[in-house]
Each structure stands twice: as structure tokens, then as C-alpha cells.
PDB file of N, CA and C in Angstrom:
ATOM      1  N   MET A   1     109.191 125.067 144.634  1.00  0.00           N
ATOM      2  CA  MET A   1     108.611 125.665 142.373  1.00  0.00           C
ATOM      3  C   MET A   1     109.587 127.198 142.438  1.00  0.00           C
ATOM      4  N   PRO A   2     109.717 127.812 141.378  1.00  0.00           N
ATOM      5  CA  PRO A   2     109.487 127.111 140.375  1.00  0.00           C
ATOM      6  C   PRO A   2     110.411 126.418 140.012  1.00  0.00           C
ATOM      7  N   HIS A   3     109.659 126.041 138.753  1.00  0.00           N
ATOM      8  CA  HIS A   3     111.213 125.584 137.202  1.00  0.00           C
ATOM      9  C   HIS A   3     110.907 126.353 136.601  1.00  0.00           C
ATOM     10  N   ILE A   4     112.201 126.451 135.939  1.00  0.00           N
ATOM     11  CA  ILE A   4     113.072 127.477 135.506  1.00  0.00           C
ATOM     12  C   ILE A   4     113.208 127.041 134.251  1.00  0.00           C
ATOM     13  N   THR A   5     113.269 126.658 133.043  1.00  0.00           N
ATOM     14  CA  THR A   5     113.296 126.663 131.358  1.00  0.00           C
ATOM     15  C   THR A   5     113.879 127.664 131.315  1.00  0.00           C
ATOM     16  N   ILE A   6     114.815 127.442 130.222  1.00  0.00           N
ATOM     17  CA  ILE A   6     115.216 128.395 129.656  1.00  0.00           C
ATOM     18  C   ILE A   6     116.007 127.636 128.368  1.00  0.00           C
ATOM     19  N   ASP A   7     115.392 128.205 127.285  1.00  0.00           N
ATOM     20  CA  ASP A   7     115.376 127.384 125.841  1.00  0.00           C
ATOM     21  C   ASP A   7     116.303 128.681 125.311  1.00  0.00           C
ATOM     22  N   TYR A   8     116.700 128.266 124.123  1.00  0.00           N
ATOM     23  CA  TYR A   8     117.704 128.910 123.301  1.00  0.00           C
ATOM     24  C   TYR A   8     118.183 128.372 121.993  1.00  0.00           C
ATOM     25  N   ASN A   9     117.925 129.160 121.144  1.00  0.00           N
ATOM     26  CA  ASN A   9     118.558 128.236 119.765  1.00  0.00           C
ATOM     27  C   ASN A   9     120.069 127.795 119.292  1.00  0.00           C
ATOM     28  N   ALA A  10     120.357 126.383 118.953  1.00  0.00           N
ATOM     29  CA  ALA A  10     121.403 125.654 118.244  1.00  0.00           C
ATOM     30  C   ALA A  10     121.924 127.400 118.098  1.00  0.00           C
ATOM     31  N   GLY A  11     123.081 127.274 118.522  1.00  0.00           N
ATOM     32  CA  GLY A  11     124.288 128.675 117.814  1.00  0.00           C
ATOM     33  C   GLY A  11     124.318 129.063 119.178  1.00  0.00           C
ATOM     34  N   ILE A  12     123.332 129.622 120.038  1.00  0.00           N
ATOM     35  CA  ILE A  12     123.404 130.567 120.821  1.00  0.00           C
ATOM     36  C   ILE A  12     124.687 130.475 122.060  1.00  0.00           C
ATOM     37  N   ASP A  13     125.019 129.539 122.518  1.00  0.00           N
ATOM     38  CA  ASP A  13     125.718 128.615 122.906  1.00  0.00           C
ATOM     39  C   ASP A  13     127.290 128.982 122.344  1.00  0.00           C
ATOM     40  N   GLN A  14     127.821 129.546 121.584  1.00  0.00           N
ATOM     41  CA  GLN A  14     128.928 129.903 120.468  1.00  0.00           C
ATOM     42  C   GLN A  14     128.974 131.808 121.180  1.00  0.00           C
ATOM     43  N   MET A  15     128.397 131.814 121.168  1.00  0.00           N
ATOM     44  CA  MET A  15     128.037 133.266 121.189  1.00  0.00           C
ATOM     45  C   MET A  15     127.985 133.931 122.980  1.00  0.00           C
ATOM     46  N   LEU A  16     127.621 133.232 123.549  1.00  0.00           N
ATOM     47  CA  LEU A  16     126.901 133.996 125.376  1.00  0.00           C
ATOM     48  C   LEU A  16     127.315 132.511 126.041  1.00  0.00           C
ATOM     49  N   ASP A  17     127.486 132.133 127.289  1.00  0.00           N
ATOM     50  CA  ASP A  17     127.436 131.600 128.709  1.00  0.00           C
ATOM     51  C   ASP A  17     126.617 131.161 128.995  1.00  0.00           C
ATOM     52  N   ILE A  18     126.160 129.549 128.701  1.00  0.00           N
ATOM     53  CA  ILE A  18     124.846 129.189 128.827  1.00  0.00           C
ATOM     54  C   ILE A  18     124.843 129.331 130.279  1.00  0.00           C
ATOM     55  N   SER A  19     126.378 128.534 130.560  1.00  0.00           N
ATOM     56  CA  SER A  19     125.856 127.891 132.223  1.00  0.00           C
ATOM     57  C   SER A  19     126.454 129.264 133.074  1.00  0.00           C
ATOM     58  N   ALA A  20     126.579 130.659 132.305  1.00  0.00           N
ATOM     59  CA  ALA A  20     126.686 131.602 133.653  1.00  0.00           C
ATOM     60  C   ALA A  20     125.576 133.101 133.300  1.00  0.00           C
ATOM     61  N   LEU A  21     124.967 132.196 132.436  1.00  0.00           N
ATOM     62  CA  LEU A  21     123.687 132.964 132.479  1.00  0.00           C
ATOM     63  C   LEU A  21     122.359 131.862 133.093  1.00  0.00           C
ATOM     64  N   THR A  22     122.800 130.226 132.941  1.00  0.00           N
ATOM     65  CA  THR A  22     121.236 129.792 133.502  1.00  0.00           C
ATOM     66  C   THR A  22     121.585 129.261 135.441  1.00  0.00           C
ATOM     67  N   ASP A  23     123.375 129.789 135.651  1.00  0.00           N
ATOM     68  CA  ASP A  23     123.585 130.210 136.905  1.00  0.00           C
ATOM     69  C   ASP A  23     122.519 131.609 137.711  1.00  0.00           C
ATOM     70  N   ALA A  24     123.123 132.805 137.057  1.00  0.00           N
ATOM     71  CA  ALA A  24     122.367 134.233 137.305  1.00  0.00           C
ATOM     72  C   ALA A  24     121.227 134.229 137.405  1.00  0.00           C
ATOM     73  N   VAL A  25     120.225 133.330 136.625  1.00  0.00           N
ATOM     74  CA  VAL A  25     119.358 133.252 137.204  1.00  0.00           C
ATOM     75  C   VAL A  25     118.744 132.003 138.121  1.00  0.00           C
ATOM     76  N   HIS A  26     118.573 131.244 137.564  1.00  0.00           N
ATOM     77  CA  HIS A  26     118.985 130.781 139.826  1.00  0.00           C
ATOM     78  C   HIS A  26     118.812 131.289 140.653  1.00  0.00           C
ATOM     79  N   ALA A  27     120.427 131.526 140.879  1.00  0.00           N
ATOM     80  CA  ALA A  27     120.852 132.495 141.958  1.00  0.00           C
ATOM     81  C   ALA A  27     119.511 133.330 142.406  1.00  0.00           C
ATOM     82  N   ALA A  28     119.118 134.873 141.035  1.00  0.00           N
ATOM     83  CA  ALA A  28     118.215 135.416 141.112  1.00  0.00           C
ATOM     84  C   ALA A  28     117.110 134.445 141.940  1.00  0.00           C
ATOM     85  N   ALA A  29     116.321 133.637 141.491  1.00  0.00           N
ATOM     86  CA  ALA A  29     115.429 133.104 141.773  1.00  0.00           C
ATOM     87  C   ALA A  29     115.355 132.733 143.738  1.00  0.00           C
ATOM     88  N   CYS A  30     116.358 132.044 143.767  1.00  0.00           N
ATOM     89  CA  CYS A  30     116.792 131.919 145.193  1.00  0.00           C
ATOM     90  C   CYS A  30     117.125 133.383 145.975  1.00  0.00           C
ATOM     91  N   GLY A  31     117.636 133.880 145.406  1.00  0.00           N
ATOM     92  CA  GLY A  31     117.261 135.689 146.146  1.00  0.00           C
ATOM     93  C   GLY A  31     116.378 136.057 146.717  1.00  0.00           C
ATOM     94  N   THR A  32     115.502 136.165 145.667  1.00  0.00           N
ATOM     95  CA  THR A  32     113.807 136.226 146.090  1.00  0.00           C
ATOM     96  C   THR A  32     113.354 136.426 147.127  1.00  0.00           C
ATOM     97  N   GLY A  33     113.558 135.723 148.421  1.00  0.00           N
ATOM     98  CA  GLY A  33     112.916 134.808 148.893  1.00  0.00           C
ATOM     99  C   GLY A  33     111.770 134.688 149.053  1.00  0.00           C
ATOM    100  N   ALA A  34     111.376 134.457 147.611  1.00  0.00           N
ATOM    101  CA  ALA A  34     109.542 134.306 147.219  1.00  0.00           C
ATOM    102  C   ALA A  34     110.214 132.813 147.094  1.00  0.00           C
ATOM    103  N   PHE A  35     110.684 131.678 147.230  1.00  0.00           N
ATOM    104  CA  PHE A  35     109.672 129.887 146.641  1.00  0.00           C
ATOM    105  C   PHE A  35     111.821 129.704 148.305  1.00  0.00           C
ATOM    106  N   PRO A  36     110.976 128.540 148.032  1.00  0.00           N
ATOM    107  CA  PRO A  36     111.797 127.421 148.534  1.00  0.00           C
ATOM    108  C   PRO A  36     112.996 127.170 148.437  1.00  0.00           C
ATOM    109  N   ILE A  37     114.439 127.047 148.751  1.00  0.00           N
ATOM    110  CA  ILE A  37     114.994 127.261 148.118  1.00  0.00           C
ATOM    111  C   ILE A  37     115.533 125.845 147.005  1.00  0.00           C
ATOM    112  N   GLY A  38     114.749 124.470 147.646  1.00  0.00           N
ATOM    113  CA  GLY A  38     114.593 123.336 148.435  1.00  0.00           C
ATOM    114  C   GLY A  38     114.106 122.996 146.404  1.00  0.00           C
ATOM    115  N   GLY A  39     113.163 123.879 146.034  1.00  0.00           N
ATOM    116  CA  GLY A  39     111.903 124.180 145.294  1.00  0.00           C
ATOM    117  C   GLY A  39     112.028 124.003 144.033  1.00  0.00           C
ATOM    118  N   VAL A  40     114.138 125.240 143.892  1.00  0.00           N
ATOM    119  CA  VAL A  40     114.058 126.664 142.959  1.00  0.00           C
ATOM    120  C   VAL A  40     114.952 124.913 142.058  1.00  0.00           C
ATOM    121  N   ARG A  41     113.969 124.705 140.683  1.00  0.00           N
ATOM    122  CA  ARG A  41     115.091 124.360 139.503  1.00  0.00           C
ATOM    123  C   ARG A  41     115.118 125.109 138.859  1.00  0.00           C
ATOM    124  N   THR A  42     116.234 124.638 137.795  1.00  0.00           N
ATOM    125  CA  THR A  42     116.541 125.507 136.550  1.00  0.00           C
ATOM    126  C   THR A  42     117.054 124.434 135.335  1.00  0.00           C
ATOM    127  N   LEU A  43     116.548 124.430 133.992  1.00  0.00           N
ATOM    128  CA  LEU A  43     117.873 124.365 133.627  1.00  0.00           C
ATOM    129  C   LEU A  43     117.316 124.679 131.762  1.00  0.00           C
ATOM    130  N   SER A  44     118.604 125.087 131.261  1.00  0.00           N
ATOM    131  CA  SER A  44     118.480 124.984 129.791  1.00  0.00           C
ATOM    132  C   SER A  44     118.740 123.757 129.046  1.00  0.00           C
ATOM    133  N   ARG A  45     118.429 124.030 127.785  1.00  0.00           N
ATOM    134  CA  ARG A  45     117.816 123.161 126.734  1.00  0.00           C
ATOM    135  C   ARG A  45     118.082 124.507 125.084  1.00  0.00           C
ATOM    136  N   PRO A  46     118.820 123.435 124.355  1.00  0.00           N
ATOM    137  CA  PRO A  46     118.897 124.233 123.430  1.00  0.00           C
ATOM    138  C   PRO A  46     117.403 123.457 122.439  1.00  0.00           C
ATOM    139  N   ALA A  47     117.370 124.703 120.810  1.00  0.00           N
ATOM    140  CA  ALA A  47     116.581 124.338 119.918  1.00  0.00           C
ATOM    141  C   ALA A  47     117.082 123.895 118.124  1.00  0.00           C
ATOM    142  N   LEU A  48     117.618 122.521 118.606  1.00  0.00           N
ATOM    143  CA  LEU A  48     118.530 122.043 118.207  1.00  0.00           C
ATOM    144  C   LEU A  48     117.771 123.102 116.816  1.00  0.00           C
ATOM    145  N   HIS A  49     116.298 122.944 115.904  1.00  0.00           N
ATOM    146  CA  HIS A  49     115.968 123.340 114.710  1.00  0.00           C
ATOM    147  C   HIS A  49     115.812 124.805 114.778  1.00  0.00           C
ATOM    148  N   SER A  50     116.091 125.240 114.637  1.00  0.00           N
ATOM    149  CA  SER A  50     115.170 126.921 114.560  1.00  0.00           C
ATOM    150  C   SER A  50     114.995 127.779 113.846  1.00  0.00           C
ATOM    151  N   ARG A  51     113.985 128.716 113.904  1.00  0.00           N
ATOM    152  CA  ARG A  51     114.178 130.295 113.148  1.00  0.00           C
ATOM    153  C   ARG A  51     114.001 131.239 114.022  1.00  0.00           C
ATOM    154  N   VAL A  52     114.844 132.360 113.722  1.00  0.00           N
ATOM    155  CA  VAL A  52     114.699 133.615 114.281  1.00  0.00           C
ATOM    156  C   VAL A  52     114.465 134.271 112.996  1.00  0.00           C
ATOM    157  N   ALA A  53     113.125 135.510 113.310  1.00  0.00           N
ATOM    158  CA  ALA A  53     113.032 136.329 112.768  1.00  0.00           C
ATOM    159  C   ALA A  53     113.711 135.843 111.196  1.00  0.00           C
ATOM    160  N   ASP A  54     114.413 136.891 110.151  1.00  0.00           N
ATOM    161  CA  ASP A  54     114.046 136.481 108.296  1.00  0.00           C
ATOM    162  C   ASP A  54     115.903 136.296 108.447  1.00  0.00           C
ATOM    163  N   ARG A  55     116.874 135.585 110.149  1.00  0.00           N
ATOM    164  CA  ARG A  55     118.249 135.395 109.625  1.00  0.00           C
ATOM    165  C   ARG A  55     117.881 133.863 109.968  1.00  0.00           C
ATOM    166  N   GLY A  56     117.607 133.747 109.908  1.00  0.00           N
ATOM    167  CA  GLY A  56     116.841 131.473 109.213  1.00  0.00           C
ATOM    168  C   GLY A  56     117.745 131.370 111.044  1.00  0.00           C
ATOM    169  N   PRO A  57     119.318 129.914 111.134  1.00  0.00           N
ATOM    170  CA  PRO A  57     118.978 129.444 112.141  1.00  0.00           C
ATOM    171  C   PRO A  57     120.494 131.285 112.770  1.00  0.00           C
ATOM    172  N   LYS A  58     120.572 132.222 112.506  1.00  0.00           N
ATOM    173  CA  LYS A  58     121.786 132.766 112.132  1.00  0.00           C
ATOM    174  C   LYS A  58     121.232 133.956 113.502  1.00  0.00           C
ATOM    175  N   GLY A  59     120.167 134.656 113.750  1.00  0.00           N
ATOM    176  CA  GLY A  59     120.057 134.660 114.647  1.00  0.00           C
ATOM    177  C   GLY A  59     120.036 134.307 116.004  1.00  0.00           C
ATOM    178  N   GLY A  60     119.419 134.833 117.081  1.00  0.00           N
ATOM    179  CA  GLY A  60     119.807 134.363 118.013  1.00  0.00           C
ATOM    180  C   GLY A  60     118.409 134.618 118.404  1.00  0.00           C
ATOM    181  N   PHE A  61     118.078 133.992 120.142  1.00  0.00           N
ATOM    182  CA  PHE A  61     116.938 134.527 121.105  1.00  0.00           C
ATOM    183  C   PHE A  61     117.329 133.048 122.586  1.00  0.00           C
ATOM    184  N   VAL A  62     116.221 133.586 123.192  1.00  0.00           N
ATOM    185  CA  VAL A  62     116.542 133.127 124.549  1.00  0.00           C
ATOM    186  C   VAL A  62     115.162 133.803 124.756  1.00  0.00           C
ATOM    187  N   GLN A  63     114.162 132.253 126.065  1.00  0.00           N
ATOM    188  CA  GLN A  63     112.804 132.524 126.204  1.00  0.00           C
ATOM    189  C   GLN A  63     113.588 131.448 127.221  1.00  0.00           C
ATOM    190  N   ILE A  64     113.423 132.390 128.189  1.00  0.00           N
ATOM    191  CA  ILE A  64     112.414 131.874 129.814  1.00  0.00           C
ATOM    192  C   ILE A  64     111.183 131.596 129.865  1.00  0.00           C
ATOM    193  N   THR A  65     111.244 130.253 130.860  1.00  0.00           N
ATOM    194  CA  THR A  65     109.594 129.883 131.152  1.00  0.00           C
ATOM    195  C   THR A  65     109.345 130.065 132.858  1.00  0.00           C
ATOM    196  N   VAL A  66     108.694 130.575 133.969  1.00  0.00           N
ATOM    197  CA  VAL A  66     109.493 130.106 135.442  1.00  0.00           C
ATOM    198  C   VAL A  66     107.794 130.300 135.974  1.00  0.00           C
ATOM    199  N   ARG A  67     107.320 128.733 136.449  1.00  0.00           N
ATOM    200  CA  ARG A  67     106.360 127.206 135.919  1.00  0.00           C
ATOM    201  C   ARG A  67     106.302 128.545 137.689  1.00  0.00           C
ATOM    202  N   ILE A  68     104.911 129.034 138.534  1.00  0.00           N
ATOM    203  CA  ILE A  68     105.420 128.863 139.272  1.00  0.00           C
ATOM    204  C   ILE A  68     103.906 127.961 140.575  1.00  0.00           C
ATOM    205  N   ALA A  69     104.166 128.099 141.411  1.00  0.00           N
ATOM    206  CA  ALA A  69     102.553 127.715 142.979  1.00  0.00           C
ATOM    207  C   ALA A  69     101.570 128.923 142.228  1.00  0.00           C
ATOM    208  N   PRO A  70     100.019 129.153 142.313  1.00  0.00           N
ATOM    209  CA  PRO A  70      99.263 130.102 142.504  1.00  0.00           C
ATOM    210  C   PRO A  70      99.741 130.554 144.425  1.00  0.00           C
ATOM    211  N   GLY A  71      99.580 131.707 144.135  1.00  0.00           N
ATOM    212  CA  GLY A  71      99.009 132.096 145.280  1.00  0.00           C
ATOM    213  C   GLY A  71      99.617 133.473 146.147  1.00  0.00           C
ATOM    214  N   ARG A  72     100.480 133.572 144.085  1.00  0.00           N
ATOM    215  CA  ARG A  72     101.698 135.102 145.480  1.00  0.00           C
ATOM    216  C   ARG A  72     100.809 135.904 144.478  1.00  0.00           C
ATOM    217  N   SER A  73     101.385 137.264 145.043  1.00  0.00           N
ATOM    218  CA  SER A  73     100.474 138.365 145.157  1.00  0.00           C
ATOM    219  C   SER A  73     100.930 138.723 143.757  1.00  0.00           C
ATOM    220  N   ASP A  74     100.769 139.771 142.592  1.00  0.00           N
ATOM    221  CA  ASP A  74     100.651 140.316 141.575  1.00  0.00           C
ATOM    222  C   ASP A  74     101.727 141.596 141.964  1.00  0.00           C
ATOM    223  N   ALA A  75     101.664 141.264 143.159  1.00  0.00           N
ATOM    224  CA  ALA A  75     102.874 142.816 142.762  1.00  0.00           C
ATOM    225  C   ALA A  75     104.377 141.734 142.981  1.00  0.00           C
ATOM    226  N   LEU A  76     103.692 140.639 143.486  1.00  0.00           N
ATOM    227  CA  LEU A  76     104.839 139.385 144.024  1.00  0.00           C
ATOM    228  C   LEU A  76     105.912 139.286 142.967  1.00  0.00           C
ATOM    229  N   LYS A  77     104.522 138.610 141.457  1.00  0.00           N
ATOM    230  CA  LYS A  77     104.613 138.351 140.553  1.00  0.00           C
ATOM    231  C   LYS A  77     105.614 139.021 139.675  1.00  0.00           C
ATOM    232  N   THR A  78     105.310 140.719 139.416  1.00  0.00           N
ATOM    233  CA  THR A  78     105.765 140.632 139.386  1.00  0.00           C
ATOM    234  C   THR A  78     107.370 141.598 140.348  1.00  0.00           C
ATOM    235  N   GLU A  79     107.574 141.025 141.267  1.00  0.00           N
ATOM    236  CA  GLU A  79     108.793 141.450 141.600  1.00  0.00           C
ATOM    237  C   GLU A  79     109.505 140.601 141.009  1.00  0.00           C
ATOM    238  N   ILE A  80     109.050 139.495 140.971  1.00  0.00           N
ATOM    239  CA  ILE A  80     110.194 137.904 140.805  1.00  0.00           C
ATOM    240  C   ILE A  80     110.911 138.208 138.779  1.00  0.00           C
ATOM    241  N   VAL A  81     109.318 138.328 138.385  1.00  0.00           N
ATOM    242  CA  VAL A  81     109.733 139.051 136.967  1.00  0.00           C
ATOM    243  C   VAL A  81     110.854 140.207 136.469  1.00  0.00           C
ATOM    244  N   GLU A  82     110.681 141.401 136.720  1.00  0.00           N
ATOM    245  CA  GLU A  82     111.320 142.203 137.361  1.00  0.00           C
ATOM    246  C   GLU A  82     112.951 141.046 137.533  1.00  0.00           C
ATOM    247  N   THR A  83     113.184 140.778 138.637  1.00  0.00           N
ATOM    248  CA  THR A  83     114.201 140.539 139.551  1.00  0.00           C
ATOM    249  C   THR A  83     115.216 139.394 138.647  1.00  0.00           C
ATOM    250  N   LEU A  84     114.642 138.291 137.962  1.00  0.00           N
ATOM    251  CA  LEU A  84     115.241 137.181 137.339  1.00  0.00           C
ATOM    252  C   LEU A  84     115.509 137.897 136.000  1.00  0.00           C
ATOM    253  N   PHE A  85     114.684 138.493 135.336  1.00  0.00           N
ATOM    254  CA  PHE A  85     115.010 139.346 134.245  1.00  0.00           C
ATOM    255  C   PHE A  85     116.028 140.726 134.207  1.00  0.00           C
ATOM    256  N   ALA A  86     116.233 141.041 134.929  1.00  0.00           N
ATOM    257  CA  ALA A  86     117.291 142.214 135.006  1.00  0.00           C
ATOM    258  C   ALA A  86     118.674 141.150 134.984  1.00  0.00           C
ATOM    259  N   ALA A  87     118.236 139.769 135.826  1.00  0.00           N
ATOM    260  CA  ALA A  87     119.684 138.828 135.955  1.00  0.00           C
ATOM    261  C   ALA A  87     119.641 138.551 134.956  1.00  0.00           C
ATOM    262  N   ALA A  88     118.971 137.856 133.855  1.00  0.00           N
ATOM    263  CA  ALA A  88     119.081 137.237 132.607  1.00  0.00           C
ATOM    264  C   ALA A  88     119.725 138.356 131.341  1.00  0.00           C
ATOM    265  N   ASN A  89     118.636 139.380 131.480  1.00  0.00           N
ATOM    266  CA  ASN A  89     119.669 140.998 130.912  1.00  0.00           C
ATOM    267  C   ASN A  89     121.328 141.204 131.455  1.00  0.00           C
ATOM    268  N   ALA A  90     121.583 141.342 132.385  1.00  0.00           N
ATOM    269  CA  ALA A  90     122.769 141.113 132.511  1.00  0.00           C
ATOM    270  C   ALA A  90     123.953 140.097 132.421  1.00  0.00           C
ATOM    271  N   ALA A  91     123.158 139.288 132.882  1.00  0.00           N
ATOM    272  CA  ALA A  91     123.786 137.599 131.617  1.00  0.00           C
ATOM    273  C   ALA A  91     124.153 138.225 130.380  1.00  0.00           C
ATOM    274  N   MET A  92     123.786 138.540 129.616  1.00  0.00           N
ATOM    275  CA  MET A  92     123.698 138.438 128.441  1.00  0.00           C
ATOM    276  C   MET A  92     124.357 140.315 127.780  1.00  0.00           C
ATOM    277  N   SER A  93     124.699 141.036 128.813  1.00  0.00           N
ATOM    278  CA  SER A  93     124.478 142.422 128.319  1.00  0.00           C
ATOM    279  C   SER A  93     125.465 142.959 127.561  1.00  0.00           C
ATOM    280  N   GLU A  94     127.228 141.735 127.431  1.00  0.00           N
ATOM    281  CA  GLU A  94     128.198 141.785 126.373  1.00  0.00           C
ATOM    282  C   GLU A  94     127.612 140.988 124.651  1.00  0.00           C
ATOM    283  N   LEU A  95     126.706 140.642 125.157  1.00  0.00           N
ATOM    284  CA  LEU A  95     126.093 139.847 123.641  1.00  0.00           C
ATOM    285  C   LEU A  95     125.778 140.802 123.336  1.00  0.00           C
ATOM    286  N   PHE A  96     124.244 142.041 124.419  1.00  0.00           N
ATOM    287  CA  PHE A  96     123.087 142.583 122.634  1.00  0.00           C
ATOM    288  C   PHE A  96     124.008 143.689 122.448  1.00  0.00           C
ATOM    289  N   GLU A  97     125.222 143.948 123.655  1.00  0.00           N
ATOM    290  CA  GLU A  97     126.744 144.866 123.446  1.00  0.00           C
ATOM    291  C   GLU A  97     127.033 144.695 121.907  1.00  0.00           C
ATOM    292  N   SER A  98     127.056 143.753 121.639  1.00  0.00           N
ATOM    293  CA  SER A  98     128.003 143.784 120.205  1.00  0.00           C
ATOM    294  C   SER A  98     127.264 142.879 119.161  1.00  0.00           C
ATOM    295  N   ARG A  99     125.473 142.418 119.328  1.00  0.00           N
ATOM    296  CA  ARG A  99     124.032 141.973 117.892  1.00  0.00           C
ATOM    297  C   ARG A  99     123.478 142.294 118.669  1.00  0.00           C
ATOM    298  N   SER A 100     122.910 142.743 117.286  1.00  0.00           N
ATOM    299  CA  SER A 100     121.749 143.021 117.518  1.00  0.00           C
ATOM    300  C   SER A 100     120.676 142.577 116.873  1.00  0.00           C
ATOM    301  N   ASP A 101     121.195 140.758 116.837  1.00  0.00           N
ATOM    302  CA  ASP A 101     120.335 139.812 116.656  1.00  0.00           C
ATOM    303  C   ASP A 101     119.866 138.696 117.407  1.00  0.00           C
ATOM    304  N   VAL A 102     119.581 139.743 118.497  1.00  0.00           N
ATOM    305  CA  VAL A 102     119.360 138.445 119.203  1.00  0.00           C
ATOM    306  C   VAL A 102     118.395 139.429 120.327  1.00  0.00           C
ATOM    307  N   ALA A 103     117.396 138.016 120.988  1.00  0.00           N
ATOM    308  CA  ALA A 103     116.559 138.345 121.534  1.00  0.00           C
ATOM    309  C   ALA A 103     115.732 137.783 122.829  1.00  0.00           C
ATOM    310  N   LEU A 104     115.239 138.419 123.464  1.00  0.00           N
ATOM    311  CA  LEU A 104     115.443 136.869 125.500  1.00  0.00           C
ATOM    312  C   LEU A 104     113.928 138.067 125.714  1.00  0.00           C
ATOM    313  N   GLN A 105     113.882 137.441 126.797  1.00  0.00           N
ATOM    314  CA  GLN A 105     112.092 136.902 126.528  1.00  0.00           C
ATOM    315  C   GLN A 105     111.947 136.268 128.232  1.00  0.00           C
ATOM    316  N   LEU A 106     111.030 136.645 128.775  1.00  0.00           N
ATOM    317  CA  LEU A 106     110.879 136.205 130.469  1.00  0.00           C
ATOM    318  C   LEU A 106     109.487 136.126 130.491  1.00  0.00           C
ATOM    319  N   GLU A 107     108.565 134.551 130.727  1.00  0.00           N
ATOM    320  CA  GLU A 107     107.407 135.326 131.357  1.00  0.00           C
ATOM    321  C   GLU A 107     107.611 133.671 132.622  1.00  0.00           C
ATOM    322  N   VAL A 108     106.274 134.453 133.434  1.00  0.00           N
ATOM    323  CA  VAL A 108     106.345 133.155 134.439  1.00  0.00           C
ATOM    324  C   VAL A 108     104.128 133.107 134.613  1.00  0.00           C
ATOM    325  N   THR A 109     104.455 132.332 135.068  1.00  0.00           N
ATOM    326  CA  THR A 109     103.597 131.300 134.548  1.00  0.00           C
ATOM    327  C   THR A 109     102.414 130.819 135.721  1.00  0.00           C
ATOM    328  N   GLU A 110     101.666 129.872 135.846  1.00  0.00           N
ATOM    329  CA  GLU A 110     100.965 129.752 137.462  1.00  0.00           C
ATOM    330  C   GLU A 110     100.046 128.533 137.101  1.00  0.00           C
ATOM    331  N   PHE A 111     101.129 127.421 137.516  1.00  0.00           N
ATOM    332  CA  PHE A 111     100.066 125.932 138.101  1.00  0.00           C
ATOM    333  C   PHE A 111      99.450 125.664 138.198  1.00  0.00           C
ATOM    334  N   ASP A 112      98.338 124.202 137.489  1.00  0.00           N
ATOM    335  CA  ASP A 112      97.364 124.903 137.710  1.00  0.00           C
ATOM    336  C   ASP A 112      96.936 123.805 139.109  1.00  0.00           C
ATOM    337  N   PRO A 113      96.561 123.764 140.504  1.00  0.00           N
ATOM    338  CA  PRO A 113      96.847 123.258 141.086  1.00  0.00           C
ATOM    339  C   PRO A 113      95.251 122.000 140.876  1.00  0.00           C
ATOM    340  N   ARG A 114      94.907 122.110 139.302  1.00  0.00           N
ATOM    341  CA  ARG A 114      94.722 121.123 139.853  1.00  0.00           C
ATOM    342  C   ARG A 114      94.557 119.570 139.335  1.00  0.00           C
ATOM    343  N   LEU A 115      95.539 120.255 138.832  1.00  0.00           N
ATOM    344  CA  LEU A 115      96.097 119.635 137.282  1.00  0.00           C
ATOM    345  C   LEU A 115      97.686 119.102 137.631  1.00  0.00           C
ATOM    346  N   THR A 116      98.012 119.696 138.685  1.00  0.00           N
ATOM    347  CA  THR A 116      99.191 119.225 139.490  1.00  0.00           C
ATOM    348  C   THR A 116      99.399 118.041 140.149  1.00  0.00           C
ATOM    349  N   ARG A 117     100.520 117.630 140.218  1.00  0.00           N
ATOM    350  CA  ARG A 117     101.182 116.825 141.589  1.00  0.00           C
ATOM    351  C   ARG A 117     102.776 117.010 141.741  1.00  0.00           C
ATOM    352  N   SER A 118     103.328 116.542 142.671  1.00  0.00           N
ATOM    353  CA  SER A 118     104.503 116.693 143.531  1.00  0.00           C
ATOM    354  C   SER A 118     104.418 116.324 144.772  1.00  0.00           C
ATOM    355  N   ARG A 119     105.996 115.606 144.689  1.00  0.00           N
ATOM    356  CA  ARG A 119     106.754 114.788 145.123  1.00  0.00           C
ATOM    357  C   ARG A 119     107.486 115.776 145.744  1.00  0.00           C
ATOM    358  N   ASN A 120     108.672 116.376 146.868  1.00  0.00           N
ATOM    359  CA  ASN A 120     110.106 117.094 147.223  1.00  0.00           C
ATOM    360  C   ASN A 120     110.103 117.194 148.207  1.00  0.00           C
ATOM    361  N   PRO A 121     111.062 115.910 148.605  1.00  0.00           N
ATOM    362  CA  PRO A 121     111.339 116.054 150.026  1.00  0.00           C
ATOM    363  C   PRO A 121     112.560 117.150 150.508  1.00  0.00           C
ATOM    364  N   MET A 122     112.742 117.412 148.838  1.00  0.00           N
ATOM    365  CA  MET A 122     114.266 118.527 149.780  1.00  0.00           C
ATOM    366  C   MET A 122     113.434 119.969 149.730  1.00  0.00           C
ATOM    367  N   ILE A 123     112.621 119.595 149.499  1.00  0.00           N
ATOM    368  CA  ILE A 123     111.792 121.046 150.191  1.00  0.00           C
ATOM    369  C   ILE A 123     111.950 121.086 152.011  1.00  0.00           C
ATOM    370  N   LYS A 124     111.315 120.262 152.365  1.00  0.00           N
ATOM    371  CA  LYS A 124     111.838 120.294 154.293  1.00  0.00           C
ATOM    372  C   LYS A 124     113.817 120.233 154.670  1.00  0.00           C
ATOM    373  N   ALA A 125     114.405 119.289 153.834  1.00  0.00           N
ATOM    374  CA  ALA A 125     115.485 118.969 153.901  1.00  0.00           C
ATOM    375  C   ALA A 125     116.385 120.339 153.587  1.00  0.00           C
ATOM    376  N   ALA A 126     116.256 121.714 152.820  1.00  0.00           N
ATOM    377  CA  ALA A 126     116.753 122.820 152.473  1.00  0.00           C
ATOM    378  C   ALA A 126     116.720 123.704 153.956  1.00  0.00           C
ATOM    379  N   GLY A 127     115.106 122.881 154.796  1.00  0.00           N
ATOM    380  CA  GLY A 127     114.717 124.197 155.048  1.00  0.00           C
ATOM    381  C   GLY A 127     113.765 125.120 155.284  1.00  0.00           C
TER     382      GLY A 127
END
């Protein structure tokens, strides 16, 4: 793992290259060295019905949720947050320069090992 989900409001894909954002965050996660490459998954999905602040459906948001297995130190988790946020922020920098009604948030959470099951042969295959 991690499992990375990039949620964004409908319409922001007209302002932002979502594929490039997804690639940037995924590459940053792979580059941390904190995860087995075969376990990194990143998906992006639009929120078809959304409201952002007082701008209704016209504002923009990107919410990135990173779910990881427990056991990493607080220092490593902080490094993961900073690295992935920097990658997302860089991918969105032109949009931030041109608009003041777009928000970005990234959060790292841990799976509960008691309530999580997984089967992933890609981790062994990736080496």
C-alpha cells in the first residue's frame, strides 16, 4: 500500500490536468521508498454533485486521501505527507496562480489491521 484517492469536484478537470496530478502523486509515493511499489495504487474520481464554499459548483477542490498500513514512525508519516503534498501542490501550481477559489487538502490515515484483509501477489512480483 498506500491506497491513494484523489477526489475532485466536477468541472475542475476543465481547469486542471487530472491525469498529470494523478501521475505526480503516484510517482511521489513510489519515490518515497516507504512503500513496496507493487502495493501503490492511485485513483482519481470526480464528485459529480458538489458545492464549494459560497461559490456553489463553480469553486474547486481536490481532496487527497492516503491510506497506509500501520507501523511507520511519525517522522516517516510526516515525510510522506510533505512529499505527496509538495507533488500535488506543484502539479496544481498554475491553477493556484490563476484562481483563488481552488483548495487542496491531503490526509494520511492508517488502516486498522484488525479490520483489513488484503491479497496482493503484485508486491512479490514487483520485487
